[in-house]
Amino acid sequence: MMLGRVIGEVWGSQRSRQLGPQKMLLIAALGPPDGDGRRRCTGRVVVALDDIGARAGELVTVAWGSGARSVFQAPENRDVLADAAVARIVDGTSAGRE
């Protein structure tokens, strides 16, 4: 799992039918809290499928590999081709200061 902030959405003129209706989001990875309790961007950005409606600026957790596929409801998840997926939208109070 990775904690990150949604920084945008990926758009394309064509997409695989196996991706379904999920949005593809750009997620900036956040590092561990520093001395001030703030989480800083690590510079790593990933593309993750989103089926829960995360929006720009929100904190999210991202699941990887088979865990990414498990985010989507069965039986539809059997054909999902994803290495990363938004698993949860995180309440800012539980994630520490930004």
C-alpha atoms as a PDB file:
ATOM      1  CA  MET A   1       0.000   0.000   0.000  1.00  0.00           C
ATOM      2  CA  MET A   2       1.048   3.544  -0.658  1.00  0.00           C
ATOM      3  CA  LEU A   3      -0.297   6.809   0.713  1.00  0.00           C
ATOM      4  CA  GLY A   4      -0.586   9.492  -1.945  1.00  0.00           C
ATOM      5  CA  ARG A   5      -2.386  12.573  -3.149  1.00  0.00           C
ATOM      6  CA  VAL A   6      -4.459  12.685  -6.348  1.00  0.00           C
ATOM      7  CA  ILE A   7      -2.855  15.246  -8.652  1.00  0.00           C
ATOM      8  CA  GLY A   8      -4.748  14.642 -11.887  1.00  0.00           C
ATOM      9  CA  GLU A   9      -6.527  12.320 -14.254  1.00  0.00           C
ATOM     10  CA  VAL A  10      -5.171  10.454 -17.289  1.00  0.00           C
ATOM     11  CA  TRP A  11      -7.129  10.890 -20.506  1.00  0.00           C
ATOM     12  CA  GLY A  12      -6.782   8.942 -23.728  1.00  0.00           C
ATOM     13  CA  SER A  13      -8.497   8.744 -27.089  1.00  0.00           C
ATOM     14  CA  GLN A  14      -8.709   4.942 -26.886  1.00  0.00           C
ATOM     15  CA  ARG A  15      -8.902   2.496 -23.998  1.00  0.00           C
ATOM     16  CA  SER A  16      -9.051  -1.253 -23.533  1.00  0.00           C
ATOM     17  CA  ARG A  17     -12.538  -2.648 -22.910  1.00  0.00           C
ATOM     18  CA  GLN A  18     -11.055  -4.643 -20.032  1.00  0.00           C
ATOM     19  CA  LEU A  19     -10.390  -1.434 -18.114  1.00  0.00           C
ATOM     20  CA  GLY A  20     -14.127  -0.854 -17.855  1.00  0.00           C
ATOM     21  CA  PRO A  21     -15.507   2.512 -16.715  1.00  0.00           C
ATOM     22  CA  GLN A  22     -12.830   3.190 -14.077  1.00  0.00           C
ATOM     23  CA  LYS A  23     -10.954   6.483 -14.192  1.00  0.00           C
ATOM     24  CA  MET A  24      -7.170   6.489 -14.339  1.00  0.00           C
ATOM     25  CA  LEU A  25      -5.668   8.897 -11.816  1.00  0.00           C
ATOM     26  CA  LEU A  26      -2.206  10.343 -11.294  1.00  0.00           C
ATOM     27  CA  ILE A  27      -1.159   9.812  -7.673  1.00  0.00           C
ATOM     28  CA  ALA A  28       1.851  11.549  -6.082  1.00  0.00           C
ATOM     29  CA  ALA A  29       3.418   9.307  -3.421  1.00  0.00           C
ATOM     30  CA  LEU A  30       3.851  10.792   0.055  1.00  0.00           C
ATOM     31  CA  GLY A  31       6.716   9.856   2.347  1.00  0.00           C
ATOM     32  CA  PRO A  32       6.653   9.200   6.093  1.00  0.00           C
ATOM     33  CA  PRO A  33       5.990  12.109   8.462  1.00  0.00           C
ATOM     34  CA  ASP A  34       9.016  14.318   9.068  1.00  0.00           C
ATOM     35  CA  GLY A  35       9.919  16.071  12.329  1.00  0.00           C
ATOM     36  CA  ASP A  36       7.027  18.516  11.899  1.00  0.00           C
ATOM     37  CA  GLY A  37       4.550  15.693  11.298  1.00  0.00           C
ATOM     38  CA  ARG A  38       4.183  16.678   7.628  1.00  0.00           C
ATOM     39  CA  ARG A  39       4.213  14.203   4.775  1.00  0.00           C
ATOM     40  CA  ARG A  40       6.154  15.387   1.755  1.00  0.00           C
ATOM     41  CA  CYS A  41       5.861  14.286  -1.845  1.00  0.00           C
ATOM     42  CA  THR A  42       8.608  11.795  -2.727  1.00  0.00           C
ATOM     43  CA  GLY A  43       8.666  12.758  -6.409  1.00  0.00           C
ATOM     44  CA  ARG A  44       7.200   9.402  -7.423  1.00  0.00           C
ATOM     45  CA  VAL A  45       3.993   9.560  -9.473  1.00  0.00           C
ATOM     46  CA  VAL A  46       1.933   6.506 -10.405  1.00  0.00           C
ATOM     47  CA  VAL A  47      -1.168   5.861 -12.499  1.00  0.00           C
ATOM     48  CA  ALA A  48      -3.882   3.980 -10.616  1.00  0.00           C
ATOM     49  CA  LEU A  49      -7.376   2.849 -11.570  1.00  0.00           C
ATOM     50  CA  ASP A  50     -10.129   4.430  -9.499  1.00  0.00           C
ATOM     51  CA  ASP A  51     -13.600   3.009  -8.980  1.00  0.00           C
ATOM     52  CA  ILE A  52     -14.539   4.962  -5.836  1.00  0.00           C
ATOM     53  CA  GLY A  53     -14.577   8.539  -7.098  1.00  0.00           C
ATOM     54  CA  ALA A  54     -11.405  10.120  -5.706  1.00  0.00           C
ATOM     55  CA  ARG A  55     -10.855  13.710  -6.817  1.00  0.00           C
ATOM     56  CA  ALA A  56      -7.843  15.970  -7.252  1.00  0.00           C
ATOM     57  CA  GLY A  57      -6.294  16.968  -3.931  1.00  0.00           C
ATOM     58  CA  GLU A  58      -7.652  14.022  -1.920  1.00  0.00           C
ATOM     59  CA  LEU A  59      -5.447  11.640   0.073  1.00  0.00           C
ATOM     60  CA  VAL A  60      -5.774   8.025  -1.024  1.00  0.00           C
ATOM     61  CA  THR A  61      -4.198   4.643  -0.428  1.00  0.00           C
ATOM     62  CA  VAL A  62      -3.069   2.689  -3.471  1.00  0.00           C
ATOM     63  CA  ALA A  63      -3.000  -1.117  -3.617  1.00  0.00           C
ATOM     64  CA  TRP A  64      -0.510  -2.945  -5.862  1.00  0.00           C
ATOM     65  CA  GLY A  65      -0.510  -6.193  -7.859  1.00  0.00           C
ATOM     66  CA  SER A  66      -3.214  -8.730  -7.036  1.00  0.00           C
ATOM     67  CA  GLY A  67      -4.330  -6.423  -4.226  1.00  0.00           C
ATOM     68  CA  ALA A  68      -5.174  -3.837  -6.887  1.00  0.00           C
ATOM     69  CA  ARG A  69      -7.502  -6.269  -8.615  1.00  0.00           C
ATOM     70  CA  SER A  70      -9.115  -7.165  -5.287  1.00  0.00           C
ATOM     71  CA  VAL A  71     -10.232  -3.538  -4.871  1.00  0.00           C
ATOM     72  CA  PHE A  72     -12.888  -4.118  -7.530  1.00  0.00           C
ATOM     73  CA  GLN A  73     -15.974  -6.188  -6.737  1.00  0.00           C
ATOM     74  CA  ALA A  74     -16.065  -9.814  -7.827  1.00  0.00           C
ATOM     75  CA  PRO A  75     -16.805 -11.299 -10.303  1.00  0.00           C
ATOM     76  CA  GLU A  76     -16.016  -8.226 -12.433  1.00  0.00           C
ATOM     77  CA  ASN A  77     -12.504  -8.078 -10.990  1.00  0.00           C
ATOM     78  CA  ARG A  78     -11.306 -11.266 -12.715  1.00  0.00           C
ATOM     79  CA  ASP A  79     -10.631  -9.471 -15.994  1.00  0.00           C
ATOM     80  CA  VAL A  80      -9.330  -6.162 -14.605  1.00  0.00           C
ATOM     81  CA  LEU A  81      -5.849  -5.407 -15.876  1.00  0.00           C
ATOM     82  CA  ALA A  82      -4.321  -3.223 -13.171  1.00  0.00           C
ATOM     83  CA  ASP A  83      -1.008  -2.980 -11.367  1.00  0.00           C
ATOM     84  CA  ALA A  84      -2.289  -0.194  -9.107  1.00  0.00           C
ATOM     85  CA  ALA A  85      -5.743   0.826  -7.873  1.00  0.00           C
ATOM     86  CA  VAL A  86      -7.129   3.371  -5.427  1.00  0.00           C
ATOM     87  CA  ALA A  87      -8.232   1.349  -2.405  1.00  0.00           C
ATOM     88  CA  ARG A  88      -9.508   4.072  -0.031  1.00  0.00           C
ATOM     89  CA  ILE A  89      -9.985   7.796   0.286  1.00  0.00           C
ATOM     90  CA  VAL A  90      -8.219   8.838   3.503  1.00  0.00           C
ATOM     91  CA  ASP A  91      -9.628  11.347   5.973  1.00  0.00           C
ATOM     92  CA  GLY A  92      -7.005  14.106   6.297  1.00  0.00           C
ATOM     93  CA  THR A  93      -7.204  14.086  10.104  1.00  0.00           C
ATOM     94  CA  SER A  94      -6.027  10.473  10.299  1.00  0.00           C
ATOM     95  CA  ALA A  95      -3.140  10.949   7.860  1.00  0.00           C
ATOM     96  CA  GLY A  96      -1.279  13.646   9.706  1.00  0.00           C
ATOM     97  CA  ARG A  97      -0.614  17.158   8.488  1.00  0.00           C
ATOM     98  CA  GLU A  98       0.425  17.761   4.921  1.00  0.00           C
END
